[in-house]
PDB file of N, CA and C in Angstrom:
ATOM      1  N   UNK A   1     -22.175  14.554  25.580  1.00  0.00           N
ATOM      2  CA  UNK A   1     -21.378  13.421  25.205  1.00  0.00           C
ATOM      3  C   UNK A   1     -19.991  13.549  25.842  1.00  0.00           C
ATOM      4  N   UNK A   2     -19.531  12.484  26.454  1.00  0.00           N
ATOM      5  CA  UNK A   2     -18.223  12.436  27.108  1.00  0.00           C
ATOM      6  C   UNK A   2     -17.170  11.990  26.097  1.00  0.00           C
ATOM      7  N   UNK A   3     -16.101  12.753  25.960  1.00  0.00           N
ATOM      8  CA  UNK A   3     -15.016  12.390  25.058  1.00  0.00           C
ATOM      9  C   UNK A   3     -13.716  12.314  25.827  1.00  0.00           C
ATOM     10  N   UNK A   4     -12.880  11.383  25.429  1.00  0.00           N
ATOM     11  CA  UNK A   4     -11.557  11.229  26.034  1.00  0.00           C
ATOM     12  C   UNK A   4     -10.513  11.171  24.929  1.00  0.00           C
ATOM     13  N   UNK A   5      -9.346  11.681  25.229  1.00  0.00           N
ATOM     14  CA  UNK A   5      -8.212  11.595  24.336  1.00  0.00           C
ATOM     15  C   UNK A   5      -7.183  10.690  24.991  1.00  0.00           C
ATOM     16  N   UNK A   6      -6.801   9.647  24.292  1.00  0.00           N
ATOM     17  CA  UNK A   6      -5.772   8.734  24.789  1.00  0.00           C
ATOM     18  C   UNK A   6      -4.520   8.934  23.943  1.00  0.00           C
ATOM     19  N   UNK A   7      -3.386   9.076  24.584  1.00  0.00           N
ATOM     20  CA  UNK A   7      -2.109   9.188  23.883  1.00  0.00           C
ATOM     21  C   UNK A   7      -1.308   7.925  24.166  1.00  0.00           C
ATOM     22  N   UNK A   8      -0.776   7.336  23.126  1.00  0.00           N
ATOM     23  CA  UNK A   8      -0.020   6.095  23.258  1.00  0.00           C
ATOM     24  C   UNK A   8       1.272   6.212  22.473  1.00  0.00           C
ATOM     25  N   UNK A   9       2.357   5.942  23.136  1.00  0.00           N
ATOM     26  CA  UNK A   9       3.657   5.957  22.480  1.00  0.00           C
ATOM     27  C   UNK A   9       3.879   4.608  21.821  1.00  0.00           C
ATOM     28  N   UNK A  10       4.647   4.586  20.762  1.00  0.00           N
ATOM     29  CA  UNK A  10       4.930   3.329  20.067  1.00  0.00           C
ATOM     30  C   UNK A  10       5.699   2.359  20.952  1.00  0.00           C
ATOM     31  N   UNK A  11       5.627   1.079  20.600  1.00  0.00           N
ATOM     32  CA  UNK A  11       6.375   0.053  21.322  1.00  0.00           C
ATOM     33  C   UNK A  11       7.867   0.180  21.064  1.00  0.00           C
ATOM     34  N   UNK A  12       8.632  -0.551  21.834  1.00  0.00           N
ATOM     35  CA  UNK A  12      10.096  -0.530  21.725  1.00  0.00           C
ATOM     36  C   UNK A  12      10.519  -0.931  20.317  1.00  0.00           C
ATOM     37  N   UNK A  13      11.309  -0.072  19.686  1.00  0.00           N
ATOM     38  CA  UNK A  13      11.742  -0.350  18.319  1.00  0.00           C
ATOM     39  C   UNK A  13      13.091  -1.057  18.303  1.00  0.00           C
ATOM     40  N   UNK A  14      13.383  -1.636  17.158  1.00  0.00           N
ATOM     41  CA  UNK A  14      14.599  -2.416  16.974  1.00  0.00           C
ATOM     42  C   UNK A  14      15.730  -1.503  16.501  1.00  0.00           C
ATOM     43  N   UNK A  15      16.720  -1.320  17.354  1.00  0.00           N
ATOM     44  CA  UNK A  15      17.856  -0.470  17.019  1.00  0.00           C
ATOM     45  C   UNK A  15      18.989  -1.255  16.366  1.00  0.00           C
ATOM     46  N   UNK A  16      18.813  -2.549  16.172  1.00  0.00           N
ATOM     47  CA  UNK A  16      19.847  -3.391  15.578  1.00  0.00           C
ATOM     48  C   UNK A  16      19.662  -3.529  14.072  1.00  0.00           C
ATOM     49  N   UNK A  17      19.272  -2.455  13.430  1.00  0.00           N
ATOM     50  CA  UNK A  17      19.111  -2.446  11.984  1.00  0.00           C
ATOM     51  C   UNK A  17      19.819  -1.226  11.421  1.00  0.00           C
ATOM     52  N   UNK A  18      19.972  -1.224  10.137  1.00  0.00           N
ATOM     53  CA  UNK A  18      20.579  -0.068   9.466  1.00  0.00           C
ATOM     54  C   UNK A  18      19.519   0.907   8.963  1.00  0.00           C
ATOM     55  N   UNK A  19      18.281   0.700   9.384  1.00  0.00           N
ATOM     56  CA  UNK A  19      17.175   1.552   8.938  1.00  0.00           C
ATOM     57  C   UNK A  19      17.204   2.904   9.636  1.00  0.00           C
ATOM     58  N   UNK A  20      16.676   3.905   8.942  1.00  0.00           N
ATOM     59  CA  UNK A  20      16.494   5.198   9.589  1.00  0.00           C
ATOM     60  C   UNK A  20      15.377   5.054  10.617  1.00  0.00           C
ATOM     61  N   UNK A  21      15.266   6.019  11.511  1.00  0.00           N
ATOM     62  CA  UNK A  21      14.252   5.950  12.559  1.00  0.00           C
ATOM     63  C   UNK A  21      12.854   5.761  11.977  1.00  0.00           C
ATOM     64  N   UNK A  22      12.548   6.442  10.881  1.00  0.00           N
ATOM     65  CA  UNK A  22      11.217   6.380  10.290  1.00  0.00           C
ATOM     66  C   UNK A  22      10.838   4.954   9.893  1.00  0.00           C
ATOM     67  N   UNK A  23      11.796   4.163   9.442  1.00  0.00           N
ATOM     68  CA  UNK A  23      11.533   2.802   8.960  1.00  0.00           C
ATOM     69  C   UNK A  23      11.882   1.715   9.978  1.00  0.00           C
ATOM     70  N   UNK A  24      12.211   2.121  11.188  1.00  0.00           N
ATOM     71  CA  UNK A  24      12.578   1.155  12.219  1.00  0.00           C
ATOM     72  C   UNK A  24      11.360   0.320  12.618  1.00  0.00           C
ATOM     73  N   UNK A  25      11.551  -0.989  12.746  1.00  0.00           N
ATOM     74  CA  UNK A  25      10.470  -1.902  13.124  1.00  0.00           C
ATOM     75  C   UNK A  25      10.440  -2.072  14.643  1.00  0.00           C
ATOM     76  N   UNK A  26       9.403  -2.732  15.124  1.00  0.00           N
ATOM     77  CA  UNK A  26       9.332  -3.058  16.552  1.00  0.00           C
ATOM     78  C   UNK A  26      10.193  -4.276  16.833  1.00  0.00           C
ATOM     79  N   UNK A  27      10.801  -4.316  18.009  1.00  0.00           N
ATOM     80  CA  UNK A  27      11.491  -5.534  18.417  1.00  0.00           C
ATOM     81  C   UNK A  27      10.466  -6.453  19.085  1.00  0.00           C
ATOM     82  N   UNK A  28      10.898  -7.621  19.512  1.00  0.00           N
ATOM     83  CA  UNK A  28       9.975  -8.591  20.119  1.00  0.00           C
ATOM     84  C   UNK A  28       9.259  -8.009  21.334  1.00  0.00           C
ATOM     85  N   UNK A  29      10.002  -7.307  22.173  1.00  0.00           N
ATOM     86  CA  UNK A  29       9.397  -6.698  23.359  1.00  0.00           C
ATOM     87  C   UNK A  29       8.332  -5.679  22.965  1.00  0.00           C
ATOM     88  N   UNK A  30       8.620  -4.863  21.955  1.00  0.00           N
ATOM     89  CA  UNK A  30       7.666  -3.870  21.492  1.00  0.00           C
ATOM     90  C   UNK A  30       6.386  -4.508  20.976  1.00  0.00           C
ATOM     91  N   UNK A  31       6.515  -5.613  20.251  1.00  0.00           N
ATOM     92  CA  UNK A  31       5.335  -6.331  19.752  1.00  0.00           C
ATOM     93  C   UNK A  31       4.525  -6.909  20.912  1.00  0.00           C
ATOM     94  N   UNK A  32       5.208  -7.523  21.853  1.00  0.00           N
ATOM     95  CA  UNK A  32       4.535  -8.115  23.020  1.00  0.00           C
ATOM     96  C   UNK A  32       3.843  -7.040  23.853  1.00  0.00           C
ATOM     97  N   UNK A  33       4.535  -5.941  24.096  1.00  0.00           N
ATOM     98  CA  UNK A  33       3.955  -4.857  24.896  1.00  0.00           C
ATOM     99  C   UNK A  33       2.747  -4.234  24.199  1.00  0.00           C
ATOM    100  N   UNK A  34       2.803  -4.086  22.876  1.00  0.00           N
ATOM    101  CA  UNK A  34       1.672  -3.526  22.132  1.00  0.00           C
ATOM    102  C   UNK A  34       0.448  -4.442  22.266  1.00  0.00           C
ATOM    103  N   UNK A  35       0.665  -5.735  22.165  1.00  0.00           N
ATOM    104  CA  UNK A  35      -0.421  -6.706  22.329  1.00  0.00           C
ATOM    105  C   UNK A  35      -1.030  -6.587  23.728  1.00  0.00           C
ATOM    106  N   UNK A  36      -0.175  -6.543  24.730  1.00  0.00           N
ATOM    107  CA  UNK A  36      -0.656  -6.448  26.113  1.00  0.00           C
ATOM    108  C   UNK A  36      -1.389  -5.131  26.361  1.00  0.00           C
ATOM    109  N   UNK A  37      -0.910  -4.049  25.786  1.00  0.00           N
ATOM    110  CA  UNK A  37      -1.569  -2.753  25.962  1.00  0.00           C
ATOM    111  C   UNK A  37      -2.947  -2.762  25.315  1.00  0.00           C
ATOM    112  N   UNK A  38      -3.060  -3.332  24.128  1.00  0.00           N
ATOM    113  CA  UNK A  38      -4.359  -3.430  23.477  1.00  0.00           C
ATOM    114  C   UNK A  38      -5.342  -4.246  24.292  1.00  0.00           C
ATOM    115  N   UNK A  39      -4.876  -5.352  24.855  1.00  0.00           N
ATOM    116  CA  UNK A  39      -5.735  -6.185  25.703  1.00  0.00           C
ATOM    117  C   UNK A  39      -6.162  -5.419  26.952  1.00  0.00           C
ATOM    118  N   UNK A  40      -5.225  -4.696  27.560  1.00  0.00           N
ATOM    119  CA  UNK A  40      -5.536  -3.928  28.772  1.00  0.00           C
ATOM    120  C   UNK A  40      -6.546  -2.826  28.467  1.00  0.00           C
ATOM    121  N   UNK A  41      -6.341  -2.104  27.367  1.00  0.00           N
ATOM    122  CA  UNK A  41      -7.281  -1.047  26.994  1.00  0.00           C
ATOM    123  C   UNK A  41      -8.687  -1.617  26.795  1.00  0.00           C
ATOM    124  N   UNK A  42      -8.779  -2.768  26.159  1.00  0.00           N
ATOM    125  CA  UNK A  42     -10.086  -3.405  25.954  1.00  0.00           C
ATOM    126  C   UNK A  42     -10.713  -3.799  27.289  1.00  0.00           C
ATOM    127  N   UNK A  43      -9.914  -4.353  28.191  1.00  0.00           N
ATOM    128  CA  UNK A  43     -10.417  -4.739  29.515  1.00  0.00           C
ATOM    129  C   UNK A  43     -10.938  -3.533  30.293  1.00  0.00           C
ATOM    130  N   UNK A  44     -10.328  -2.371  30.075  1.00  0.00           N
ATOM    131  CA  UNK A  44     -10.719  -1.140  30.767  1.00  0.00           C
ATOM    132  C   UNK A  44     -11.835  -0.398  30.027  1.00  0.00           C
ATOM    133  N   UNK A  45     -12.335  -0.990  28.961  1.00  0.00           N
ATOM    134  CA  UNK A  45     -13.351  -0.357  28.109  1.00  0.00           C
ATOM    135  C   UNK A  45     -12.872   0.986  27.561  1.00  0.00           C
ATOM    136  N   UNK A  46     -11.622   1.026  27.170  1.00  0.00           N
ATOM    137  CA  UNK A  46     -11.025   2.229  26.592  1.00  0.00           C
ATOM    138  C   UNK A  46     -10.716   2.019  25.111  1.00  0.00           C
ATOM    139  N   UNK A  47     -11.670   1.461  24.400  1.00  0.00           N
ATOM    140  CA  UNK A  47     -11.501   1.204  22.975  1.00  0.00           C
ATOM    141  C   UNK A  47     -11.908   2.462  22.212  1.00  0.00           C
ATOM    142  N   UNK A  48     -10.988   3.042  21.467  1.00  0.00           N
ATOM    143  CA  UNK A  48     -11.288   4.303  20.784  1.00  0.00           C
ATOM    144  C   UNK A  48     -12.151   4.115  19.539  1.00  0.00           C
ATOM    145  N   UNK A  49     -12.790   5.186  19.132  1.00  0.00           N
ATOM    146  CA  UNK A  49     -13.536   5.204  17.876  1.00  0.00           C
ATOM    147  C   UNK A  49     -12.585   5.383  16.695  1.00  0.00           C
ATOM    148  N   UNK A  50     -11.469   6.033  16.945  1.00  0.00           N
ATOM    149  CA  UNK A  50     -10.530   6.394  15.895  1.00  0.00           C
ATOM    150  C   UNK A  50      -9.120   6.404  16.459  1.00  0.00           C
ATOM    151  N   UNK A  51      -8.171   5.928  15.668  1.00  0.00           N
ATOM    152  CA  UNK A  51      -6.751   5.994  16.022  1.00  0.00           C
ATOM    153  C   UNK A  51      -6.071   6.837  14.953  1.00  0.00           C
ATOM    154  N   UNK A  52      -5.398   7.883  15.374  1.00  0.00           N
ATOM    155  CA  UNK A  52      -4.633   8.720  14.454  1.00  0.00           C
ATOM    156  C   UNK A  52      -3.168   8.419  14.712  1.00  0.00           C
ATOM    157  N   UNK A  53      -2.453   8.064  13.655  1.00  0.00           N
ATOM    158  CA  UNK A  53      -1.111   7.520  13.816  1.00  0.00           C
ATOM    159  C   UNK A  53      -0.144   8.080  12.780  1.00  0.00           C
ATOM    160  N   UNK A  54       1.093   8.188  13.189  1.00  0.00           N
ATOM    161  CA  UNK A  54       2.183   8.536  12.286  1.00  0.00           C
ATOM    162  C   UNK A  54       2.364   7.424  11.253  1.00  0.00           C
ATOM    163  N   UNK A  55       2.984   7.750  10.143  1.00  0.00           N
ATOM    164  CA  UNK A  55       3.315   6.753   9.135  1.00  0.00           C
ATOM    165  C   UNK A  55       4.616   6.017   9.445  1.00  0.00           C
ATOM    166  N   UNK A  56       5.323   6.409  10.505  1.00  0.00           N
ATOM    167  CA  UNK A  56       6.559   5.720  10.876  1.00  0.00           C
ATOM    168  C   UNK A  56       6.246   4.248  11.136  1.00  0.00           C
ATOM    169  N   UNK A  57       7.087   3.363  10.653  1.00  0.00           N
ATOM    170  CA  UNK A  57       6.835   1.925  10.721  1.00  0.00           C
ATOM    171  C   UNK A  57       6.560   1.450  12.138  1.00  0.00           C
ATOM    172  N   UNK A  58       7.375   1.863  13.110  1.00  0.00           N
ATOM    173  CA  UNK A  58       7.185   1.383  14.484  1.00  0.00           C
ATOM    174  C   UNK A  58       5.883   1.909  15.090  1.00  0.00           C
ATOM    175  N   UNK A  59       5.474   3.116  14.726  1.00  0.00           N
ATOM    176  CA  UNK A  59       4.217   3.672  15.233  1.00  0.00           C
ATOM    177  C   UNK A  59       3.013   2.970  14.606  1.00  0.00           C
ATOM    178  N   UNK A  60       3.052   2.785  13.293  1.00  0.00           N
ATOM    179  CA  UNK A  60       1.939   2.152  12.606  1.00  0.00           C
ATOM    180  C   UNK A  60       1.794   0.686  13.011  1.00  0.00           C
ATOM    181  N   UNK A  61       2.905  -0.016  13.157  1.00  0.00           N
ATOM    182  CA  UNK A  61       2.845  -1.407  13.604  1.00  0.00           C
ATOM    183  C   UNK A  61       2.260  -1.494  15.004  1.00  0.00           C
ATOM    184  N   UNK A  62       2.663  -0.590  15.881  1.00  0.00           N
ATOM    185  CA  UNK A  62       2.094  -0.551  17.235  1.00  0.00           C
ATOM    186  C   UNK A  62       0.585  -0.358  17.161  1.00  0.00           C
ATOM    187  N   UNK A  63       0.133   0.599  16.358  1.00  0.00           N
ATOM    188  CA  UNK A  63      -1.301   0.871  16.228  1.00  0.00           C
ATOM    189  C   UNK A  63      -2.048  -0.348  15.693  1.00  0.00           C
ATOM    190  N   UNK A  64      -1.464  -1.041  14.734  1.00  0.00           N
ATOM    191  CA  UNK A  64      -2.110  -2.224  14.164  1.00  0.00           C
ATOM    192  C   UNK A  64      -2.237  -3.347  15.187  1.00  0.00           C
ATOM    193  N   UNK A  65      -1.184  -3.583  15.965  1.00  0.00           N
ATOM    194  CA  UNK A  65      -1.223  -4.640  16.983  1.00  0.00           C
ATOM    195  C   UNK A  65      -2.212  -4.280  18.089  1.00  0.00           C
ATOM    196  N   UNK A  66      -2.151  -3.046  18.563  1.00  0.00           N
ATOM    197  CA  UNK A  66      -3.053  -2.599  19.627  1.00  0.00           C
ATOM    198  C   UNK A  66      -4.502  -2.679  19.159  1.00  0.00           C
ATOM    199  N   UNK A  67      -4.782  -2.201  17.958  1.00  0.00           N
ATOM    200  CA  UNK A  67      -6.160  -2.215  17.473  1.00  0.00           C
ATOM    201  C   UNK A  67      -6.673  -3.646  17.311  1.00  0.00           C
ATOM    202  N   UNK A  68      -5.863  -4.549  16.808  1.00  0.00           N
ATOM    203  CA  UNK A  68      -6.280  -5.951  16.668  1.00  0.00           C
ATOM    204  C   UNK A  68      -6.574  -6.565  18.031  1.00  0.00           C
ATOM    205  N   UNK A  69      -5.741  -6.254  19.025  1.00  0.00           N
ATOM    206  CA  UNK A  69      -5.952  -6.788  20.376  1.00  0.00           C
ATOM    207  C   UNK A  69      -7.236  -6.255  20.996  1.00  0.00           C
ATOM    208  N   UNK A  70      -7.687  -5.085  20.550  1.00  0.00           N
ATOM    209  CA  UNK A  70      -8.931  -4.500  21.047  1.00  0.00           C
ATOM    210  C   UNK A  70     -10.135  -4.938  20.221  1.00  0.00           C
ATOM    211  N   UNK A  71      -9.900  -5.681  19.142  1.00  0.00           N
ATOM    212  CA  UNK A  71     -10.990  -6.123  18.286  1.00  0.00           C
ATOM    213  C   UNK A  71     -11.380  -5.122  17.221  1.00  0.00           C
ATOM    214  N   UNK A  72     -10.532  -4.125  16.992  1.00  0.00           N
ATOM    215  CA  UNK A  72     -10.793  -3.121  15.958  1.00  0.00           C
ATOM    216  C   UNK A  72     -10.159  -3.550  14.646  1.00  0.00           C
ATOM    217  N   UNK A  73     -10.753  -3.146  13.551  1.00  0.00           N
ATOM    218  CA  UNK A  73     -10.131  -3.392  12.254  1.00  0.00           C
ATOM    219  C   UNK A  73      -9.090  -2.302  12.006  1.00  0.00           C
ATOM    220  N   UNK A  74      -8.202  -2.558  11.079  1.00  0.00           N
ATOM    221  CA  UNK A  74      -7.208  -1.536  10.750  1.00  0.00           C
ATOM    222  C   UNK A  74      -7.869  -0.325  10.094  1.00  0.00           C
ATOM    223  N   UNK A  75      -9.136  -0.449   9.700  1.00  0.00           N
ATOM    224  CA  UNK A  75      -9.877   0.685   9.165  1.00  0.00           C
ATOM    225  C   UNK A  75     -10.091   1.785  10.186  1.00  0.00           C
ATOM    226  N   UNK A  76      -9.930   1.455  11.474  1.00  0.00           N
ATOM    227  CA  UNK A  76     -10.065   2.458  12.535  1.00  0.00           C
ATOM    228  C   UNK A  76      -8.818   3.331  12.645  1.00  0.00           C
ATOM    229  N   UNK A  77      -7.761   2.958  11.919  1.00  0.00           N
ATOM    230  CA  UNK A  77      -6.495   3.696  11.970  1.00  0.00           C
ATOM    231  C   UNK A  77      -6.431   4.665  10.794  1.00  0.00           C
ATOM    232  N   UNK A  78      -6.239   5.926  11.116  1.00  0.00           N
ATOM    233  CA  UNK A  78      -6.024   6.965  10.096  1.00  0.00           C
ATOM    234  C   UNK A  78      -4.602   7.470  10.281  1.00  0.00           C
ATOM    235  N   UNK A  79      -3.843   7.500   9.194  1.00  0.00           N
ATOM    236  CA  UNK A  79      -2.464   7.963   9.290  1.00  0.00           C
ATOM    237  C   UNK A  79      -2.374   9.434   8.919  1.00  0.00           C
ATOM    238  N   UNK A  80      -1.371  10.077   9.515  1.00  0.00           N
ATOM    239  CA  UNK A  80      -1.142  11.495   9.272  1.00  0.00           C
ATOM    240  C   UNK A  80       0.369  11.712   9.205  1.00  0.00           C
ATOM    241  N   UNK A  81       0.864  12.020   8.035  1.00  0.00           N
ATOM    242  CA  UNK A  81       2.308  12.164   7.845  1.00  0.00           C
ATOM    243  C   UNK A  81       2.903  13.316   8.634  1.00  0.00           C
ATOM    244  N   UNK A  82       2.087  14.288   9.022  1.00  0.00           N
ATOM    245  CA  UNK A  82       2.615  15.448   9.740  1.00  0.00           C
ATOM    246  C   UNK A  82       2.923  15.152  11.207  1.00  0.00           C
ATOM    247  N   UNK A  83       2.470  14.022  11.720  1.00  0.00           N
ATOM    248  CA  UNK A  83       2.712  13.695  13.131  1.00  0.00           C
ATOM    249  C   UNK A  83       4.180  13.381  13.390  1.00  0.00           C
ATOM    250  N   UNK A  84       4.817  12.650  12.472  1.00  0.00           N
ATOM    251  CA  UNK A  84       6.209  12.258  12.675  1.00  0.00           C
ATOM    252  C   UNK A  84       7.098  13.495  12.699  1.00  0.00           C
ATOM    253  N   UNK A  85       7.839  13.638  13.764  1.00  0.00           N
ATOM    254  CA  UNK A  85       8.752  14.759  13.890  1.00  0.00           C
ATOM    255  C   UNK A  85       8.098  16.086  14.224  1.00  0.00           C
ATOM    256  N   UNK A  86       6.801  16.062  14.571  1.00  0.00           N
ATOM    257  CA  UNK A  86       6.096  17.298  14.893  1.00  0.00           C
ATOM    258  C   UNK A  86       6.605  17.870  16.218  1.00  0.00           C
ATOM    259  N   UNK A  87       6.610  19.161  16.320  1.00  0.00           N
ATOM    260  CA  UNK A  87       7.025  19.831  17.562  1.00  0.00           C
ATOM    261  C   UNK A  87       5.882  19.874  18.541  1.00  0.00           C
TER     262      UNK A  87
END
C-alpha cells in the first residue's frame, strides 16, 4: 500500500485583531487561498483519508475550508492540542 504525508500550513491569518495567536482568524486572503488549495488538491487526486490539525482557530478554519473544497466532511478532521506550539 502506498502512503503519502501531506503537510499544509494554515492560511493567512488576520493580524488586525486583539486576539492572541491561538484565537486569530483567517483574513479574506487566507480563506480564499484555503478554498483554492482544497480545489487544487482534489484536482491532483491528493484527497487525504485523515486530516490532523491544531486546535488554533486559523489552523482549524483552514482545515475546514480545505476539506469542504475537497468534498470531505469535517469528520475527516481530527484535532490534536499538542500540535500548536510543538517543537
